[in-house]
């Protein structure tokens, strides 16, 4: 149950962040908005880290080096999300974002990439993704 709650919270905040970043980018520029968002996110995460203390900083040595670039993906995510919202609006952007996420996660689960347990995709999963794609097509007409 907590996992679903966190997923809903994350989904809500990624939408709010996309809208806020689009507004910021109209004032100062898209890459500037991405940098500002990354910086404020870093500050908030650092403050939470100081209070939570749920791990040891030296444990980062156990992380595979290529995973350390995960935060860099956020700059591309922010830029892409801002440009999409400017071009096609919030609803279609978030719907397309979800479909892209599902497509990539589908490939990761199916192939067991990144150490994830391999999942067999069945007809209901294919139907679900197809319905989402149809929904985006319907929303965009």
N, C-alpha and C. Protein backbone atom coordinates (compact mmCIF):
# COMPACT_ATOMS: atom_id res chain seq x y z
N UNK A 1 0.82 -1.21 0.00
CA UNK A 1 0.00 0.00 0.00
C UNK A 1 0.86 1.26 0.00
N UNK A 2 1.93 1.25 0.82
CA UNK A 2 2.81 2.43 0.87
C UNK A 2 3.45 2.68 -0.48
N UNK A 3 3.82 1.61 -1.18
CA UNK A 3 4.44 1.77 -2.50
C UNK A 3 3.52 2.48 -3.47
N UNK A 4 2.24 2.10 -3.47
CA UNK A 4 1.26 2.74 -4.34
C UNK A 4 1.09 4.21 -3.96
N UNK A 5 1.08 4.49 -2.67
CA UNK A 5 0.96 5.87 -2.19
C UNK A 5 2.15 6.72 -2.66
N UNK A 6 3.36 6.16 -2.55
CA UNK A 6 4.54 6.88 -3.02
C UNK A 6 4.49 7.08 -4.53
N UNK A 7 4.00 6.09 -5.27
CA UNK A 7 3.89 6.23 -6.72
C UNK A 7 2.90 7.34 -7.08
N UNK A 8 1.79 7.40 -6.40
CA UNK A 8 0.79 8.45 -6.65
C UNK A 8 1.37 9.81 -6.30
N UNK A 9 2.06 9.89 -5.18
CA UNK A 9 2.70 11.14 -4.76
C UNK A 9 3.73 11.58 -5.80
N UNK A 10 4.57 10.64 -6.24
CA UNK A 10 5.57 10.95 -7.25
C UNK A 10 4.95 11.41 -8.55
N UNK A 11 3.88 10.74 -8.97
CA UNK A 11 3.19 11.13 -10.20
C UNK A 11 2.61 12.52 -10.12
N UNK A 12 2.02 12.83 -8.97
CA UNK A 12 1.44 14.17 -8.78
C UNK A 12 2.53 15.24 -8.82
N UNK A 13 3.64 14.97 -8.14
CA UNK A 13 4.70 15.97 -8.07
C UNK A 13 5.46 16.12 -9.38
N UNK A 14 5.59 15.04 -10.16
CA UNK A 14 6.27 15.20 -11.46
C UNK A 14 5.43 16.09 -12.37
N UNK A 15 4.11 16.00 -12.25
CA UNK A 15 3.24 16.87 -13.04
C UNK A 15 3.36 18.32 -12.57
N UNK A 16 3.29 18.53 -11.26
CA UNK A 16 3.42 19.88 -10.72
C UNK A 16 4.79 20.47 -11.06
N UNK A 17 5.83 19.66 -10.99
CA UNK A 17 7.17 20.12 -11.33
C UNK A 17 7.25 20.53 -12.80
N UNK A 18 6.64 19.74 -13.67
CA UNK A 18 6.65 20.06 -15.09
C UNK A 18 5.99 21.39 -15.39
N UNK A 19 4.87 21.64 -14.75
CA UNK A 19 4.16 22.91 -14.95
C UNK A 19 4.98 24.07 -14.39
N UNK A 20 5.52 23.90 -13.18
CA UNK A 20 6.33 24.96 -12.57
C UNK A 20 7.57 25.24 -13.41
N UNK A 21 8.24 24.19 -13.88
CA UNK A 21 9.44 24.38 -14.68
C UNK A 21 9.14 25.09 -15.99
N UNK A 22 7.98 24.80 -16.57
CA UNK A 22 7.59 25.47 -17.81
C UNK A 22 7.42 26.96 -17.57
N UNK A 23 6.82 27.31 -16.45
CA UNK A 23 6.65 28.72 -16.11
C UNK A 23 8.00 29.39 -15.85
N UNK A 24 8.88 28.69 -15.14
CA UNK A 24 10.21 29.23 -14.87
C UNK A 24 10.97 29.43 -16.17
N UNK A 25 10.88 28.43 -17.07
CA UNK A 25 11.65 28.49 -18.32
C UNK A 25 11.21 29.65 -19.20
N UNK A 26 9.96 30.05 -19.10
CA UNK A 26 9.48 31.18 -19.90
C UNK A 26 10.09 32.50 -19.42
N UNK A 27 10.52 32.51 -18.16
CA UNK A 27 11.15 33.72 -17.62
C UNK A 27 12.66 33.74 -17.79
N UNK A 28 13.30 32.57 -17.57
CA UNK A 28 14.77 32.58 -17.55
C UNK A 28 15.41 31.62 -18.55
N UNK A 29 14.65 30.76 -19.20
CA UNK A 29 15.21 29.80 -20.16
C UNK A 29 15.09 28.37 -19.66
N UNK A 30 15.08 27.44 -20.59
CA UNK A 30 14.82 26.04 -20.25
C UNK A 30 15.96 25.41 -19.48
N UNK A 31 17.20 25.56 -19.95
CA UNK A 31 18.32 24.95 -19.23
C UNK A 31 18.55 25.65 -17.89
N UNK A 32 18.25 26.93 -17.82
CA UNK A 32 18.35 27.63 -16.55
C UNK A 32 17.31 27.08 -15.56
N UNK A 33 16.11 26.81 -16.07
CA UNK A 33 15.07 26.23 -15.22
C UNK A 33 15.49 24.84 -14.74
N UNK A 34 16.09 24.07 -15.63
CA UNK A 34 16.56 22.73 -15.24
C UNK A 34 17.63 22.83 -14.16
N UNK A 35 18.56 23.77 -14.33
CA UNK A 35 19.62 23.94 -13.34
C UNK A 35 19.06 24.40 -12.00
N UNK A 36 18.14 25.35 -12.04
CA UNK A 36 17.52 25.85 -10.81
C UNK A 36 16.75 24.73 -10.10
N UNK A 37 16.01 23.95 -10.86
CA UNK A 37 15.25 22.85 -10.29
C UNK A 37 16.18 21.80 -9.68
N UNK A 38 17.25 21.47 -10.39
CA UNK A 38 18.21 20.50 -9.86
C UNK A 38 18.83 21.02 -8.56
N UNK A 39 19.16 22.31 -8.55
CA UNK A 39 19.80 22.90 -7.37
C UNK A 39 18.85 22.89 -6.17
N UNK A 40 17.61 23.35 -6.38
CA UNK A 40 16.66 23.36 -5.26
C UNK A 40 16.34 21.94 -4.80
N UNK A 41 16.28 21.00 -5.74
CA UNK A 41 16.07 19.60 -5.37
C UNK A 41 17.21 19.06 -4.54
N UNK A 42 18.44 19.43 -4.91
CA UNK A 42 19.62 19.02 -4.15
C UNK A 42 19.56 19.56 -2.73
N UNK A 43 19.21 20.84 -2.59
CA UNK A 43 19.14 21.47 -1.27
C UNK A 43 18.10 20.76 -0.40
N UNK A 44 16.91 20.52 -0.94
CA UNK A 44 15.85 19.85 -0.18
C UNK A 44 16.28 18.44 0.21
N UNK A 45 16.85 17.69 -0.74
CA UNK A 45 17.30 16.33 -0.44
C UNK A 45 18.40 16.34 0.62
N UNK A 46 19.30 17.31 0.55
CA UNK A 46 20.37 17.42 1.53
C UNK A 46 19.82 17.70 2.93
N UNK A 47 18.85 18.59 3.01
CA UNK A 47 18.23 18.91 4.31
C UNK A 47 17.54 17.67 4.87
N UNK A 48 16.80 16.96 4.03
CA UNK A 48 16.12 15.74 4.48
C UNK A 48 17.14 14.70 4.92
N UNK A 49 18.22 14.57 4.15
CA UNK A 49 19.28 13.62 4.49
C UNK A 49 19.87 13.93 5.86
N UNK A 50 20.09 15.21 6.16
CA UNK A 50 20.66 15.59 7.45
C UNK A 50 19.76 15.19 8.62
N UNK A 51 18.45 15.22 8.40
CA UNK A 51 17.52 14.86 9.46
C UNK A 51 17.24 13.36 9.52
N UNK A 52 17.19 12.71 8.38
CA UNK A 52 16.81 11.28 8.33
C UNK A 52 17.97 10.36 8.72
N UNK A 53 19.13 10.64 8.17
CA UNK A 53 20.31 9.82 8.43
C UNK A 53 20.01 8.33 8.30
N UNK A 54 19.46 7.95 7.14
CA UNK A 54 19.06 6.56 6.92
C UNK A 54 20.11 5.73 6.20
N UNK A 55 21.32 6.22 6.10
CA UNK A 55 22.40 5.48 5.46
C UNK A 55 23.72 6.16 5.73
N UNK A 56 24.78 5.54 5.27
CA UNK A 56 26.11 6.11 5.46
C UNK A 56 26.60 6.66 4.13
N UNK A 57 27.16 7.84 4.15
CA UNK A 57 27.64 8.48 2.93
C UNK A 57 28.72 7.65 2.24
N UNK A 58 29.55 6.98 3.02
CA UNK A 58 30.62 6.19 2.41
C UNK A 58 30.08 4.95 1.69
N UNK A 59 28.83 4.60 1.88
CA UNK A 59 28.23 3.45 1.19
C UNK A 59 28.10 3.69 -0.31
N UNK A 60 28.29 4.94 -0.76
CA UNK A 60 28.20 5.22 -2.19
C UNK A 60 29.22 4.41 -2.98
N UNK A 61 30.30 3.99 -2.32
CA UNK A 61 31.35 3.20 -2.98
C UNK A 61 30.81 1.85 -3.45
N UNK A 62 29.69 1.40 -2.89
CA UNK A 62 29.10 0.12 -3.28
C UNK A 62 28.24 0.25 -4.54
N UNK A 63 27.96 1.47 -4.95
CA UNK A 63 27.12 1.71 -6.11
C UNK A 63 27.96 1.56 -7.37
N UNK A 64 27.42 0.85 -8.36
CA UNK A 64 28.14 0.71 -9.63
C UNK A 64 28.29 2.10 -10.25
N UNK A 65 29.48 2.41 -10.77
CA UNK A 65 29.76 3.77 -11.25
C UNK A 65 28.75 4.32 -12.25
N UNK A 66 28.25 3.50 -13.18
CA UNK A 66 27.34 4.05 -14.19
C UNK A 66 25.99 4.42 -13.60
N UNK A 67 25.64 3.88 -12.43
CA UNK A 67 24.39 4.27 -11.78
C UNK A 67 24.48 5.66 -11.16
N UNK A 68 25.70 6.14 -10.92
CA UNK A 68 25.88 7.46 -10.33
C UNK A 68 25.45 8.58 -11.28
N UNK A 69 25.23 8.24 -12.55
CA UNK A 69 24.79 9.24 -13.52
C UNK A 69 23.27 9.40 -13.54
N UNK A 70 22.57 8.66 -12.69
CA UNK A 70 21.12 8.74 -12.65
C UNK A 70 20.59 10.15 -12.43
N UNK A 71 21.26 10.91 -11.59
CA UNK A 71 20.85 12.29 -11.35
C UNK A 71 20.99 13.17 -12.58
N UNK A 72 21.97 12.85 -13.42
CA UNK A 72 22.17 13.63 -14.64
C UNK A 72 20.99 13.47 -15.59
N UNK A 73 20.32 12.32 -15.52
CA UNK A 73 19.14 12.11 -16.36
C UNK A 73 18.07 13.14 -16.05
N UNK A 74 18.02 13.62 -14.81
CA UNK A 74 16.99 14.58 -14.41
C UNK A 74 17.06 15.86 -15.25
N UNK A 75 18.25 16.30 -15.60
CA UNK A 75 18.37 17.51 -16.42
C UNK A 75 17.70 17.30 -17.78
N UNK A 76 17.89 16.13 -18.35
CA UNK A 76 17.27 15.81 -19.64
C UNK A 76 15.76 15.65 -19.47
N UNK A 77 15.36 15.04 -18.37
CA UNK A 77 13.93 14.87 -18.08
C UNK A 77 13.25 16.23 -17.98
N UNK A 78 13.85 17.12 -17.21
CA UNK A 78 13.27 18.45 -17.02
C UNK A 78 13.18 19.20 -18.34
N UNK A 79 14.28 19.21 -19.09
CA UNK A 79 14.29 19.91 -20.37
C UNK A 79 13.21 19.34 -21.30
N UNK A 80 13.17 18.02 -21.43
CA UNK A 80 12.20 17.38 -22.33
C UNK A 80 10.76 17.65 -21.89
N UNK A 81 10.53 17.57 -20.60
CA UNK A 81 9.19 17.79 -20.06
C UNK A 81 8.73 19.22 -20.31
N UNK A 82 9.62 20.18 -20.07
CA UNK A 82 9.28 21.59 -20.29
C UNK A 82 8.94 21.83 -21.75
N UNK A 83 9.80 21.35 -22.65
CA UNK A 83 9.56 21.55 -24.08
C UNK A 83 8.26 20.87 -24.53
N UNK A 84 7.99 19.67 -24.01
CA UNK A 84 6.75 18.97 -24.37
C UNK A 84 5.53 19.76 -23.90
N UNK A 85 5.56 20.24 -22.67
CA UNK A 85 4.42 21.00 -22.14
C UNK A 85 4.21 22.28 -22.94
N UNK A 86 5.30 22.95 -23.32
CA UNK A 86 5.18 24.16 -24.14
C UNK A 86 4.55 23.84 -25.50
N UNK A 87 4.91 22.70 -26.06
CA UNK A 87 4.45 22.35 -27.42
C UNK A 87 3.07 21.71 -27.46
N UNK A 88 2.79 20.78 -26.55
CA UNK A 88 1.55 19.99 -26.66
C UNK A 88 0.66 20.04 -25.42
N UNK A 89 1.04 20.79 -24.40
CA UNK A 89 0.22 20.92 -23.21
C UNK A 89 0.52 19.87 -22.16
N UNK A 90 -0.03 20.09 -20.97
CA UNK A 90 0.28 19.24 -19.82
C UNK A 90 -0.30 17.84 -19.97
N UNK A 91 -1.56 17.73 -20.35
CA UNK A 91 -2.23 16.42 -20.39
C UNK A 91 -1.57 15.45 -21.36
N UNK A 92 -1.36 15.88 -22.58
CA UNK A 92 -0.74 15.00 -23.58
C UNK A 92 0.71 14.71 -23.20
N UNK A 93 1.41 15.71 -22.67
CA UNK A 93 2.81 15.50 -22.28
C UNK A 93 2.92 14.42 -21.21
N UNK A 94 2.12 14.52 -20.18
CA UNK A 94 2.19 13.54 -19.09
C UNK A 94 1.73 12.17 -19.57
N UNK A 95 0.71 12.13 -20.42
CA UNK A 95 0.26 10.84 -20.96
C UNK A 95 1.36 10.19 -21.79
N UNK A 96 2.02 10.97 -22.63
CA UNK A 96 3.12 10.44 -23.45
C UNK A 96 4.29 10.03 -22.57
N UNK A 97 4.57 10.81 -21.54
CA UNK A 97 5.62 10.48 -20.59
C UNK A 97 5.34 9.13 -19.93
N UNK A 98 4.11 8.91 -19.51
CA UNK A 98 3.75 7.63 -18.88
C UNK A 98 3.90 6.46 -19.85
N UNK A 99 3.52 6.67 -21.10
CA UNK A 99 3.66 5.60 -22.09
C UNK A 99 5.15 5.30 -22.31
N UNK A 100 5.96 6.34 -22.40
CA UNK A 100 7.41 6.12 -22.56
C UNK A 100 7.98 5.38 -21.36
N UNK A 101 7.55 5.76 -20.15
CA UNK A 101 8.00 5.07 -18.95
C UNK A 101 7.58 3.61 -18.98
N UNK A 102 6.34 3.36 -19.35
CA UNK A 102 5.87 1.98 -19.42
C UNK A 102 6.64 1.17 -20.46
N UNK A 103 6.92 1.78 -21.59
CA UNK A 103 7.67 1.08 -22.63
C UNK A 103 9.06 0.70 -22.17
N UNK A 104 9.75 1.63 -21.53
CA UNK A 104 11.10 1.34 -21.04
C UNK A 104 11.06 0.33 -19.90
N UNK A 105 10.12 0.49 -18.97
CA UNK A 105 10.03 -0.47 -17.87
C UNK A 105 9.62 -1.85 -18.37
N UNK A 106 8.81 -1.89 -19.40
CA UNK A 106 8.43 -3.15 -20.02
C UNK A 106 9.67 -3.87 -20.55
N UNK A 107 10.54 -3.13 -21.23
CA UNK A 107 11.79 -3.70 -21.76
C UNK A 107 12.70 -4.15 -20.62
N UNK A 108 12.81 -3.34 -19.57
CA UNK A 108 13.66 -3.68 -18.42
C UNK A 108 13.15 -4.94 -17.74
N UNK A 109 11.85 -4.99 -17.44
CA UNK A 109 11.26 -6.17 -16.80
C UNK A 109 11.37 -7.41 -17.66
N UNK A 110 11.09 -7.28 -18.95
CA UNK A 110 11.11 -8.43 -19.86
C UNK A 110 12.50 -9.04 -20.00
N UNK A 111 13.52 -8.19 -19.96
CA UNK A 111 14.89 -8.64 -20.19
C UNK A 111 15.71 -8.80 -18.92
N UNK A 112 15.17 -8.37 -17.78
CA UNK A 112 15.91 -8.47 -16.53
C UNK A 112 17.13 -7.57 -16.46
N UNK A 113 17.05 -6.42 -17.14
CA UNK A 113 18.18 -5.49 -17.15
C UNK A 113 18.36 -4.83 -15.79
N UNK A 114 19.53 -4.33 -15.53
CA UNK A 114 19.88 -3.57 -14.32
C UNK A 114 19.65 -4.38 -13.04
N UNK A 115 19.75 -5.67 -13.13
CA UNK A 115 19.61 -6.52 -11.95
C UNK A 115 18.17 -6.73 -11.49
N UNK A 116 17.21 -6.31 -12.29
CA UNK A 116 15.80 -6.48 -11.95
C UNK A 116 15.38 -7.91 -12.29
N UNK A 117 14.58 -8.51 -11.44
CA UNK A 117 14.09 -9.87 -11.71
C UNK A 117 13.28 -9.87 -13.01
N UNK A 118 13.57 -10.83 -13.86
CA UNK A 118 12.90 -10.94 -15.16
C UNK A 118 11.41 -11.23 -14.95
N UNK A 119 10.56 -10.48 -15.64
CA UNK A 119 9.12 -10.64 -15.56
C UNK A 119 8.59 -11.06 -16.93
N UNK A 120 7.69 -12.00 -16.92
CA UNK A 120 7.07 -12.41 -18.18
C UNK A 120 5.86 -11.52 -18.43
N UNK A 121 5.85 -10.85 -19.56
CA UNK A 121 4.73 -9.99 -19.91
C UNK A 121 3.67 -10.81 -20.62
N UNK A 122 2.45 -10.61 -20.20
CA UNK A 122 1.33 -11.37 -20.75
C UNK A 122 0.39 -10.44 -21.51
N UNK A 123 -0.63 -11.05 -22.07
CA UNK A 123 -1.60 -10.31 -22.88
C UNK A 123 -2.19 -9.09 -22.14
N UNK A 124 -2.57 -9.20 -20.86
CA UNK A 124 -3.13 -8.01 -20.19
C UNK A 124 -2.19 -6.81 -20.18
N UNK A 125 -0.88 -7.05 -20.05
CA UNK A 125 0.07 -5.94 -20.07
C UNK A 125 0.12 -5.29 -21.46
N UNK A 126 0.11 -6.13 -22.49
CA UNK A 126 0.09 -5.59 -23.86
C UNK A 126 -1.18 -4.79 -24.12
N UNK A 127 -2.31 -5.31 -23.67
CA UNK A 127 -3.60 -4.62 -23.84
C UNK A 127 -3.58 -3.29 -23.10
N UNK A 128 -3.05 -3.29 -21.87
CA UNK A 128 -2.98 -2.06 -21.08
C UNK A 128 -2.17 -0.98 -21.76
N UNK A 129 -1.00 -1.34 -22.27
CA UNK A 129 -0.17 -0.35 -22.97
C UNK A 129 -0.87 0.13 -24.24
N UNK A 130 -1.50 -0.80 -24.95
CA UNK A 130 -2.24 -0.42 -26.16
C UNK A 130 -3.37 0.54 -25.86
N UNK A 131 -4.07 0.30 -24.74
CA UNK A 131 -5.16 1.20 -24.35
C UNK A 131 -4.63 2.59 -23.99
N UNK A 132 -3.46 2.64 -23.33
CA UNK A 132 -2.89 3.94 -23.00
C UNK A 132 -2.50 4.70 -24.26
N UNK A 133 -1.91 3.99 -25.21
CA UNK A 133 -1.54 4.65 -26.48
C UNK A 133 -2.80 5.15 -27.19
N UNK A 134 -3.84 4.33 -27.22
CA UNK A 134 -5.10 4.76 -27.82
C UNK A 134 -5.66 5.98 -27.10
N UNK A 135 -5.54 6.01 -25.77
CA UNK A 135 -6.01 7.15 -25.01
C UNK A 135 -5.29 8.44 -25.38
N UNK A 136 -3.99 8.36 -25.57
CA UNK A 136 -3.22 9.55 -25.97
C UNK A 136 -3.64 10.01 -27.34
N UNK A 137 -3.85 9.07 -28.24
CA UNK A 137 -4.28 9.42 -29.59
C UNK A 137 -5.65 10.12 -29.53
N UNK A 138 -6.55 9.58 -28.73
CA UNK A 138 -7.89 10.18 -28.59
C UNK A 138 -7.79 11.56 -27.95
N UNK A 139 -6.96 11.69 -26.91
CA UNK A 139 -6.81 13.00 -26.25
C UNK A 139 -6.25 14.06 -27.19
N UNK A 140 -5.40 13.64 -28.11
CA UNK A 140 -4.72 14.63 -28.95
C UNK A 140 -5.49 15.02 -30.21
N UNK A 141 -6.65 14.43 -30.44
CA UNK A 141 -7.44 14.83 -31.62
C UNK A 141 -8.39 15.93 -31.30
